[in-house]
């Protein structure tokens, strides 16, 4: 996503949060912007040989931006909501020897890009537990990206679109230390079915100077799924992140 579009999305989330809080004062709204520095490992495969993203495609650590808006309210039967945008793209240059992708054989230096950008739509209920804020619900990841590979000498190239919905169970817990502004939390989104699986887990510590707070932690995203067509994505992205939030 272009920088201007990212800025516009962040401004829109802030405006939406302020408007929602003004119209419905009982609704708690949190808006966040984060940066995740993730290493990539695993394979990409489409109708032929698996391409190792590190050894074959030359992927290294990349920085990824994300934005979210979270709505929580006191009505028991209606779930709370969170929308998060994850801008995730890895690219690199590597060397392969006679490996097939989408029916085309690649040899020598190749350029590639794996775009796993996605939206998280999360509906959840908050359990009435003292001290701990515990969210339980459903997370749906909507992938809107592509996998692209290009051989430098021949010019052969293929692009496979990634447009998939992945439902996952959602658990999130936060604990605050009274009178300190310090806290800690963790989030898990998980699904496993018919040989496919995905795990998105993060843990963090936080500091709250109401209404602003900051979180720092570690996120790991493992996905092993058959996506569009013959494309199989079996990758792990992991690394530290920092997140700045504002609560209304």
C-alpha atoms as a PDB file:
ATOM      1  CA  UNK A   1       0.000   0.000   0.000  1.00  0.00           C
ATOM      2  CA  UNK A   2       1.343   3.449  -0.928  1.00  0.00           C
ATOM      3  CA  UNK A   3       2.383   5.797   1.863  1.00  0.00           C
ATOM      4  CA  UNK A   4      -0.369   8.292   1.026  1.00  0.00           C
ATOM      5  CA  UNK A   5      -2.998   5.574   1.207  1.00  0.00           C
ATOM      6  CA  UNK A   6      -1.668   4.397   4.563  1.00  0.00           C
ATOM      7  CA  UNK A   7      -1.836   7.939   5.903  1.00  0.00           C
ATOM      8  CA  UNK A   8      -5.386   8.335   4.608  1.00  0.00           C
ATOM      9  CA  UNK A   9      -6.444   5.070   6.215  1.00  0.00           C
ATOM     10  CA  UNK A  10      -4.945   6.114   9.556  1.00  0.00           C
ATOM     11  CA  UNK A  11      -6.700   9.502   9.389  1.00  0.00           C
ATOM     12  CA  UNK A  12      -9.993   7.811   8.502  1.00  0.00           C
ATOM     13  CA  UNK A  13      -9.738   5.463  11.486  1.00  0.00           C
ATOM     14  CA  UNK A  14      -9.054   8.384  13.828  1.00  0.00           C
ATOM     15  CA  UNK A  15     -12.002  10.364  12.424  1.00  0.00           C
ATOM     16  CA  UNK A  16     -14.326   7.355  12.620  1.00  0.00           C
ATOM     17  CA  UNK A  17     -13.331   6.684  16.226  1.00  0.00           C
ATOM     18  CA  UNK A  18     -13.970  10.257  17.312  1.00  0.00           C
ATOM     19  CA  UNK A  19     -17.327  10.374  15.521  1.00  0.00           C
ATOM     20  CA  UNK A  20     -18.480   7.064  17.006  1.00  0.00           C
ATOM     21  CA  UNK A  21     -17.542   8.120  20.517  1.00  0.00           C
ATOM     22  CA  UNK A  22     -19.311  11.451  20.136  1.00  0.00           C
ATOM     23  CA  UNK A  23     -22.523   9.844  18.883  1.00  0.00           C
ATOM     24  CA  UNK A  24     -22.569   6.940  21.349  1.00  0.00           C
ATOM     25  CA  UNK A  25     -20.794   8.011  24.577  1.00  0.00           C
ATOM     26  CA  UNK A  26     -21.027   4.501  26.125  1.00  0.00           C
ATOM     27  CA  UNK A  27     -18.916   3.016  23.314  1.00  0.00           C
ATOM     28  CA  UNK A  28     -15.193   2.634  24.092  1.00  0.00           C
ATOM     29  CA  UNK A  29     -13.061   3.166  21.007  1.00  0.00           C
ATOM     30  CA  UNK A  30      -9.386   2.363  20.555  1.00  0.00           C
ATOM     31  CA  UNK A  31      -7.354   3.332  17.488  1.00  0.00           C
ATOM     32  CA  UNK A  32      -3.845   1.947  16.958  1.00  0.00           C
ATOM     33  CA  UNK A  33      -0.976   2.163  14.497  1.00  0.00           C
ATOM     34  CA  UNK A  34       1.835  -0.381  14.641  1.00  0.00           C
ATOM     35  CA  UNK A  35       5.112  -1.441  13.069  1.00  0.00           C
ATOM     36  CA  UNK A  36       6.188  -5.100  12.894  1.00  0.00           C
ATOM     37  CA  UNK A  37       9.702  -6.163  11.840  1.00  0.00           C
ATOM     38  CA  UNK A  38       9.312  -9.775  10.695  1.00  0.00           C
ATOM     39  CA  UNK A  39      11.668 -12.472   9.431  1.00  0.00           C
ATOM     40  CA  UNK A  40      10.273 -14.902   6.852  1.00  0.00           C
ATOM     41  CA  UNK A  41      10.833 -18.653   6.563  1.00  0.00           C
ATOM     42  CA  UNK A  42       9.069 -21.554   4.856  1.00  0.00           C
ATOM     43  CA  UNK A  43       8.008 -22.259   1.276  1.00  0.00           C
ATOM     44  CA  UNK A  44       5.783 -21.113  -1.577  1.00  0.00           C
ATOM     45  CA  UNK A  45       4.575 -23.644  -4.141  1.00  0.00           C
ATOM     46  CA  UNK A  46       2.238 -23.610  -7.130  1.00  0.00           C
ATOM     47  CA  UNK A  47       1.878 -26.700  -9.295  1.00  0.00           C
ATOM     48  CA  UNK A  48       5.531 -27.696  -9.071  1.00  0.00           C
ATOM     49  CA  UNK A  49       8.481 -27.456  -6.737  1.00  0.00           C
ATOM     50  CA  UNK A  50       8.486 -25.670  -3.373  1.00  0.00           C
ATOM     51  CA  UNK A  51      10.514 -22.450  -3.330  1.00  0.00           C
ATOM     52  CA  UNK A  52      12.283 -21.851  -0.034  1.00  0.00           C
ATOM     53  CA  UNK A  53      11.655 -18.184   0.739  1.00  0.00           C
ATOM     54  CA  UNK A  54      15.072 -17.722   2.356  1.00  0.00           C
ATOM     55  CA  UNK A  55      17.433 -19.943   0.357  1.00  0.00           C
ATOM     56  CA  UNK A  56      15.754 -19.741  -3.070  1.00  0.00           C
ATOM     57  CA  UNK A  57      14.049 -16.346  -3.042  1.00  0.00           C
ATOM     58  CA  UNK A  58      16.400 -14.394  -0.780  1.00  0.00           C
ATOM     59  CA  UNK A  59      13.802 -13.070   1.657  1.00  0.00           C
ATOM     60  CA  UNK A  60      15.092 -11.272   4.737  1.00  0.00           C
ATOM     61  CA  UNK A  61      13.470  -9.257   7.505  1.00  0.00           C
ATOM     62  CA  UNK A  62      10.934  -6.658   6.372  1.00  0.00           C
ATOM     63  CA  UNK A  63       8.993  -3.935   8.165  1.00  0.00           C
ATOM     64  CA  UNK A  64       5.184  -4.059   8.045  1.00  0.00           C
ATOM     65  CA  UNK A  65       2.630  -1.443   9.059  1.00  0.00           C
ATOM     66  CA  UNK A  66      -0.768  -2.137  10.608  1.00  0.00           C
ATOM     67  CA  UNK A  67      -3.734  -0.047  11.702  1.00  0.00           C
ATOM     68  CA  UNK A  68      -6.756  -0.997  13.795  1.00  0.00           C
ATOM     69  CA  UNK A  69      -9.940   0.353  15.309  1.00  0.00           C
ATOM     70  CA  UNK A  70     -11.748  -1.423  18.147  1.00  0.00           C
ATOM     71  CA  UNK A  71     -15.285  -0.804  19.431  1.00  0.00           C
ATOM     72  CA  UNK A  72     -16.473  -2.098  22.824  1.00  0.00           C
ATOM     73  CA  UNK A  73     -19.900  -1.439  24.341  1.00  0.00           C
ATOM     74  CA  UNK A  74     -21.977  -2.542  27.357  1.00  0.00           C
ATOM     75  CA  UNK A  75     -24.804  -4.342  25.479  1.00  0.00           C
ATOM     76  CA  UNK A  76     -24.440  -8.049  26.430  1.00  0.00           C
ATOM     77  CA  UNK A  77     -25.997  -9.760  23.382  1.00  0.00           C
ATOM     78  CA  UNK A  78     -24.231  -7.729  20.681  1.00  0.00           C
ATOM     79  CA  UNK A  79     -20.573  -8.599  20.014  1.00  0.00           C
ATOM     80  CA  UNK A  80     -17.828  -6.001  20.155  1.00  0.00           C
ATOM     81  CA  UNK A  81     -15.895  -5.352  16.943  1.00  0.00           C
ATOM     82  CA  UNK A  82     -12.340  -4.755  15.774  1.00  0.00           C
ATOM     83  CA  UNK A  83     -11.037  -4.055  12.279  1.00  0.00           C
ATOM     84  CA  UNK A  84      -7.301  -4.337  11.625  1.00  0.00           C
ATOM     85  CA  UNK A  85      -5.364  -3.784   8.404  1.00  0.00           C
ATOM     86  CA  UNK A  86      -2.051  -5.664   8.025  1.00  0.00           C
ATOM     87  CA  UNK A  87       0.292  -4.507   5.246  1.00  0.00           C
ATOM     88  CA  UNK A  88       2.527  -7.575   4.786  1.00  0.00           C
ATOM     89  CA  UNK A  89       4.831  -7.885   1.789  1.00  0.00           C
ATOM     90  CA  UNK A  90       8.163  -9.677   1.398  1.00  0.00           C
ATOM     91  CA  UNK A  91      10.339  -9.465  -1.703  1.00  0.00           C
ATOM     92  CA  UNK A  92      13.831 -10.465  -2.708  1.00  0.00           C
ATOM     93  CA  UNK A  93      16.260 -11.764  -5.319  1.00  0.00           C
ATOM     94  CA  UNK A  94      17.589 -15.331  -5.226  1.00  0.00           C
ATOM     95  CA  UNK A  95      19.005 -18.125  -7.339  1.00  0.00           C
ATOM     96  CA  UNK A  96      17.159 -21.328  -8.248  1.00  0.00           C
ATOM     97  CA  UNK A  97      17.980 -24.368 -10.366  1.00  0.00           C
ATOM     98  CA  UNK A  98      15.208 -25.741 -12.582  1.00  0.00           C
ATOM     99  CA  UNK A  99      12.238 -25.211 -10.304  1.00  0.00           C
ATOM    100  CA  UNK A 100       8.675 -25.075 -11.600  1.00  0.00           C
ATOM    101  CA  UNK A 101       6.033 -22.503 -10.636  1.00  0.00           C
ATOM    102  CA  UNK A 102       2.621 -22.336 -12.346  1.00  0.00           C
ATOM    103  CA  UNK A 103       3.839 -24.597 -15.163  1.00  0.00           C
ATOM    104  CA  UNK A 104       6.945 -22.521 -15.948  1.00  0.00           C
ATOM    105  CA  UNK A 105      10.466 -23.684 -15.082  1.00  0.00           C
ATOM    106  CA  UNK A 106      12.812 -21.110 -13.557  1.00  0.00           C
ATOM    107  CA  UNK A 107      16.609 -21.212 -13.413  1.00  0.00           C
ATOM    108  CA  UNK A 108      19.193 -18.639 -12.390  1.00  0.00           C
ATOM    109  CA  UNK A 109      18.399 -15.338 -10.706  1.00  0.00           C
ATOM    110  CA  UNK A 110      14.755 -14.654  -9.924  1.00  0.00           C
ATOM    111  CA  UNK A 111      12.931 -11.702  -8.437  1.00  0.00           C
ATOM    112  CA  UNK A 112       9.823 -12.405  -6.410  1.00  0.00           C
ATOM    113  CA  UNK A 113       7.238 -10.826  -4.153  1.00  0.00           C
ATOM    114  CA  UNK A 114       4.905 -12.481  -1.662  1.00  0.00           C
ATOM    115  CA  UNK A 115       2.116 -10.106  -0.678  1.00  0.00           C
ATOM    116  CA  UNK A 116       0.081 -11.505   2.227  1.00  0.00           C
ATOM    117  CA  UNK A 117      -1.657  -8.219   3.022  1.00  0.00           C
ATOM    118  CA  UNK A 118      -4.936  -8.853   4.809  1.00  0.00           C
ATOM    119  CA  UNK A 119      -7.764  -7.432   6.877  1.00  0.00           C
ATOM    120  CA  UNK A 120      -8.750  -8.861  10.271  1.00  0.00           C
ATOM    121  CA  UNK A 121     -12.468  -8.700  11.064  1.00  0.00           C
ATOM    122  CA  UNK A 122     -12.968  -9.678  14.711  1.00  0.00           C
ATOM    123  CA  UNK A 123     -16.266 -10.053  16.578  1.00  0.00           C
ATOM    124  CA  UNK A 124     -15.815 -10.800  20.281  1.00  0.00           C
ATOM    125  CA  UNK A 125     -17.391 -10.792  23.723  1.00  0.00           C
ATOM    126  CA  UNK A 126     -15.573  -9.570  26.816  1.00  0.00           C
ATOM    127  CA  UNK A 127     -15.852 -11.919  29.810  1.00  0.00           C
ATOM    128  CA  UNK A 128     -16.723 -10.246  33.155  1.00  0.00           C
ATOM    129  CA  UNK A 129     -13.577 -11.331  35.017  1.00  0.00           C
ATOM    130  CA  UNK A 130     -11.939  -9.165  37.725  1.00  0.00           C
ATOM    131  CA  UNK A 131      -8.450  -7.762  37.011  1.00  0.00           C
ATOM    132  CA  UNK A 132      -8.170  -9.507  33.597  1.00  0.00           C
ATOM    133  CA  UNK A 133      -9.794  -8.227  30.407  1.00  0.00           C
ATOM    134  CA  UNK A 134     -10.610 -11.404  28.465  1.00  0.00           C
ATOM    135  CA  UNK A 135     -11.974 -11.298  24.903  1.00  0.00           C
ATOM    136  CA  UNK A 136     -13.381 -14.417  23.213  1.00  0.00           C
ATOM    137  CA  UNK A 137     -14.723 -14.518  19.680  1.00  0.00           C
ATOM    138  CA  UNK A 138     -14.208 -15.071  15.967  1.00  0.00           C
ATOM    139  CA  UNK A 139     -11.541 -13.578  13.725  1.00  0.00           C
ATOM    140  CA  UNK A 140     -11.785 -13.657   9.923  1.00  0.00           C
ATOM    141  CA  UNK A 141      -8.695 -12.854   7.878  1.00  0.00           C
ATOM    142  CA  UNK A 142      -9.352 -11.568   4.369  1.00  0.00           C
ATOM    143  CA  UNK A 143      -6.204 -11.880   2.257  1.00  0.00           C
ATOM    144  CA  UNK A 144      -5.942  -9.448  -0.647  1.00  0.00           C
ATOM    145  CA  UNK A 145      -2.496  -9.930  -2.190  1.00  0.00           C
ATOM    146  CA  UNK A 146      -0.468 -11.940  -4.667  1.00  0.00           C
ATOM    147  CA  UNK A 147       2.626 -14.048  -5.242  1.00  0.00           C
ATOM    148  CA  UNK A 148       4.824 -12.899  -8.134  1.00  0.00           C
ATOM    149  CA  UNK A 149       7.985 -14.490  -9.560  1.00  0.00           C
ATOM    150  CA  UNK A 150      10.194 -13.323 -12.447  1.00  0.00           C
ATOM    151  CA  UNK A 151      13.288 -14.863 -14.050  1.00  0.00           C
ATOM    152  CA  UNK A 152      15.789 -12.122 -14.862  1.00  0.00           C
ATOM    153  CA  UNK A 153      17.419 -13.645 -17.986  1.00  0.00           C
ATOM    154  CA  UNK A 154      14.410 -15.037 -19.837  1.00  0.00           C
ATOM    155  CA  UNK A 155      11.845 -12.569 -18.520  1.00  0.00           C
ATOM    156  CA  UNK A 156       9.450 -15.395 -17.684  1.00  0.00           C
ATOM    157  CA  UNK A 157       7.045 -14.383 -14.933  1.00  0.00           C
ATOM    158  CA  UNK A 158       3.896 -15.558 -13.195  1.00  0.00           C
ATOM    159  CA  UNK A 159       1.494 -13.882 -10.791  1.00  0.00           C
ATOM    160  CA  UNK A 160      -0.975 -15.755  -8.590  1.00  0.00           C
ATOM    161  CA  UNK A 161      -3.653 -13.702  -6.873  1.00  0.00           C
ATOM    162  CA  UNK A 162      -4.360 -14.386  -3.195  1.00  0.00           C
ATOM    163  CA  UNK A 163      -7.979 -13.573  -2.355  1.00  0.00           C
ATOM    164  CA  UNK A 164      -9.021 -15.790   0.538  1.00  0.00           C
ATOM    165  CA  UNK A 165     -11.128 -15.668   3.701  1.00  0.00           C
ATOM    166  CA  UNK A 166      -9.781 -17.571   6.703  1.00  0.00           C
ATOM    167  CA  UNK A 167     -11.980 -17.900   9.834  1.00  0.00           C
ATOM    168  CA  UNK A 168     -10.126 -18.345  13.140  1.00  0.00           C
ATOM    169  CA  UNK A 169     -10.942 -18.610  16.829  1.00  0.00           C
ATOM    170  CA  UNK A 170      -9.958 -15.505  18.797  1.00  0.00           C
ATOM    171  CA  UNK A 171      -8.692 -15.103  22.381  1.00  0.00           C
ATOM    172  CA  UNK A 172      -7.180 -11.956  23.866  1.00  0.00           C
ATOM    173  CA  UNK A 173      -6.233 -11.188  27.489  1.00  0.00           C
ATOM    174  CA  UNK A 174      -4.929  -8.021  29.139  1.00  0.00           C
ATOM    175  CA  UNK A 175      -3.757  -7.431  32.714  1.00  0.00           C
ATOM    176  CA  UNK A 176      -3.048  -3.978  34.189  1.00  0.00           C
ATOM    177  CA  UNK A 177      -0.978  -3.267  37.284  1.00  0.00           C
ATOM    178  CA  UNK A 178      -2.975  -0.768  39.375  1.00  0.00           C
ATOM    179  CA  UNK A 179      -1.559   2.755  39.805  1.00  0.00           C
ATOM    180  CA  UNK A 180       1.479   2.076  37.598  1.00  0.00           C
ATOM    181  CA  UNK A 181       0.214   2.450  34.035  1.00  0.00           C
ATOM    182  CA  UNK A 182       2.002  -0.821  33.255  1.00  0.00           C
ATOM    183  CA  UNK A 183       0.346  -3.901  31.846  1.00  0.00           C
ATOM    184  CA  UNK A 184       0.786  -7.019  29.750  1.00  0.00           C
ATOM    185  CA  UNK A 185      -1.286  -8.941  27.273  1.00  0.00           C
ATOM    186  CA  UNK A 186      -1.454 -11.688  24.691  1.00  0.00           C
ATOM    187  CA  UNK A 187      -3.602 -12.545  21.683  1.00  0.00           C
ATOM    188  CA  UNK A 188      -4.161 -15.831  19.853  1.00  0.00           C
ATOM    189  CA  UNK A 189      -6.009 -16.454  16.586  1.00  0.00           C
ATOM    190  CA  UNK A 190      -6.023 -20.101  15.485  1.00  0.00           C
ATOM    191  CA  UNK A 191      -7.607 -22.509  13.002  1.00  0.00           C
ATOM    192  CA  UNK A 192      -6.826 -26.046  11.846  1.00  0.00           C
ATOM    193  CA  UNK A 193      -8.970 -27.991   9.363  1.00  0.00           C
ATOM    194  CA  UNK A 194      -8.600 -30.495   6.513  1.00  0.00           C
ATOM    195  CA  UNK A 195      -4.790 -30.338   6.547  1.00  0.00           C
ATOM    196  CA  UNK A 196      -4.659 -26.537   6.577  1.00  0.00           C
ATOM    197  CA  UNK A 197      -3.724 -24.508   9.631  1.00  0.00           C
ATOM    198  CA  UNK A 198      -2.927 -20.962  10.715  1.00  0.00           C
ATOM    199  CA  UNK A 199      -1.723 -19.432  13.980  1.00  0.00           C
ATOM    200  CA  UNK A 200      -1.387 -15.721  14.683  1.00  0.00           C
ATOM    201  CA  UNK A 201      -0.066 -15.108  18.206  1.00  0.00           C
ATOM    202  CA  UNK A 202       1.440 -12.108  19.952  1.00  0.00           C
ATOM    203  CA  UNK A 203       2.528 -11.157  23.453  1.00  0.00           C
ATOM    204  CA  UNK A 204       3.305  -7.662  24.686  1.00  0.00           C
ATOM    205  CA  UNK A 205       3.916  -5.311  27.563  1.00  0.00           C
ATOM    206  CA  UNK A 206       2.285  -1.899  27.669  1.00  0.00           C
ATOM    207  CA  UNK A 207       2.382   1.509  29.262  1.00  0.00           C
ATOM    208  CA  UNK A 208      -0.753   3.611  29.544  1.00  0.00           C
ATOM    209  CA  UNK A 209      -0.754   7.404  29.963  1.00  0.00           C
ATOM    210  CA  UNK A 210      -4.476   7.869  29.394  1.00  0.00           C
ATOM    211  CA  UNK A 211      -5.683   8.374  26.697  1.00  0.00           C
ATOM    212  CA  UNK A 212      -2.452   7.338  24.928  1.00  0.00           C
ATOM    213  CA  UNK A 213      -0.765   3.977  25.358  1.00  0.00           C
ATOM    214  CA  UNK A 214       2.168   2.134  23.828  1.00  0.00           C
ATOM    215  CA  UNK A 215       2.748  -1.601  23.439  1.00  0.00           C
ATOM    216  CA  UNK A 216       5.889  -3.516  22.581  1.00  0.00           C
ATOM    217  CA  UNK A 217       6.157  -7.244  22.032  1.00  0.00           C
ATOM    218  CA  UNK A 218       6.631 -10.186  19.706  1.00  0.00           C
ATOM    219  CA  UNK A 219       4.322 -11.572  17.001  1.00  0.00           C
ATOM    220  CA  UNK A 220       4.453 -14.876  15.130  1.00  0.00           C
ATOM    221  CA  UNK A 221       2.205 -15.668  12.166  1.00  0.00           C
ATOM    222  CA  UNK A 222       2.299 -19.254  10.838  1.00  0.00           C
ATOM    223  CA  UNK A 223       0.181 -20.187   7.841  1.00  0.00           C
ATOM    224  CA  UNK A 224       0.014 -23.516   5.971  1.00  0.00           C
ATOM    225  CA  UNK A 225      -2.896 -23.308   3.542  1.00  0.00           C
ATOM    226  CA  UNK A 226      -3.827 -24.075  -0.034  1.00  0.00           C
ATOM    227  CA  UNK A 227      -4.796 -20.675  -1.376  1.00  0.00           C
ATOM    228  CA  UNK A 228      -6.010 -19.653  -4.847  1.00  0.00           C
ATOM    229  CA  UNK A 229      -5.639 -22.325  -7.538  1.00  0.00           C
ATOM    230  CA  UNK A 230      -2.641 -24.579  -6.919  1.00  0.00           C
ATOM    231  CA  UNK A 231      -0.869 -22.101  -4.657  1.00  0.00           C
ATOM    232  CA  UNK A 232       0.309 -23.497  -1.315  1.00  0.00           C
ATOM    233  CA  UNK A 233       1.627 -21.037   1.261  1.00  0.00           C
ATOM    234  CA  UNK A 234       3.588 -22.644   4.101  1.00  0.00           C
ATOM    235  CA  UNK A 235       5.396 -19.763   5.771  1.00  0.00           C
ATOM    236  CA  UNK A 236       6.255 -18.312   9.158  1.00  0.00           C
ATOM    237  CA  UNK A 237       6.622 -14.588   9.844  1.00  0.00           C
ATOM    238  CA  UNK A 238       7.976 -13.611  13.247  1.00  0.00           C
ATOM    239  CA  UNK A 239       9.604 -10.687  14.977  1.00  0.00           C
ATOM    240  CA  UNK A 240       9.217  -7.746  17.383  1.00  0.00           C
ATOM    241  CA  UNK A 241       6.599  -5.036  17.055  1.00  0.00           C
ATOM    242  CA  UNK A 242       5.670  -1.687  18.562  1.00  0.00           C
ATOM    243  CA  UNK A 243       2.166  -0.230  18.648  1.00  0.00           C
ATOM    244  CA  UNK A 244       0.846   3.216  19.583  1.00  0.00           C
ATOM    245  CA  UNK A 245      -2.792   3.564  20.580  1.00  0.00           C
ATOM    246  CA  UNK A 246      -5.345   6.170  21.624  1.00  0.00           C
ATOM    247  CA  UNK A 247      -8.462   5.346  23.648  1.00  0.00           C
ATOM    248  CA  UNK A 248     -11.645   7.421  23.558  1.00  0.00           C
END
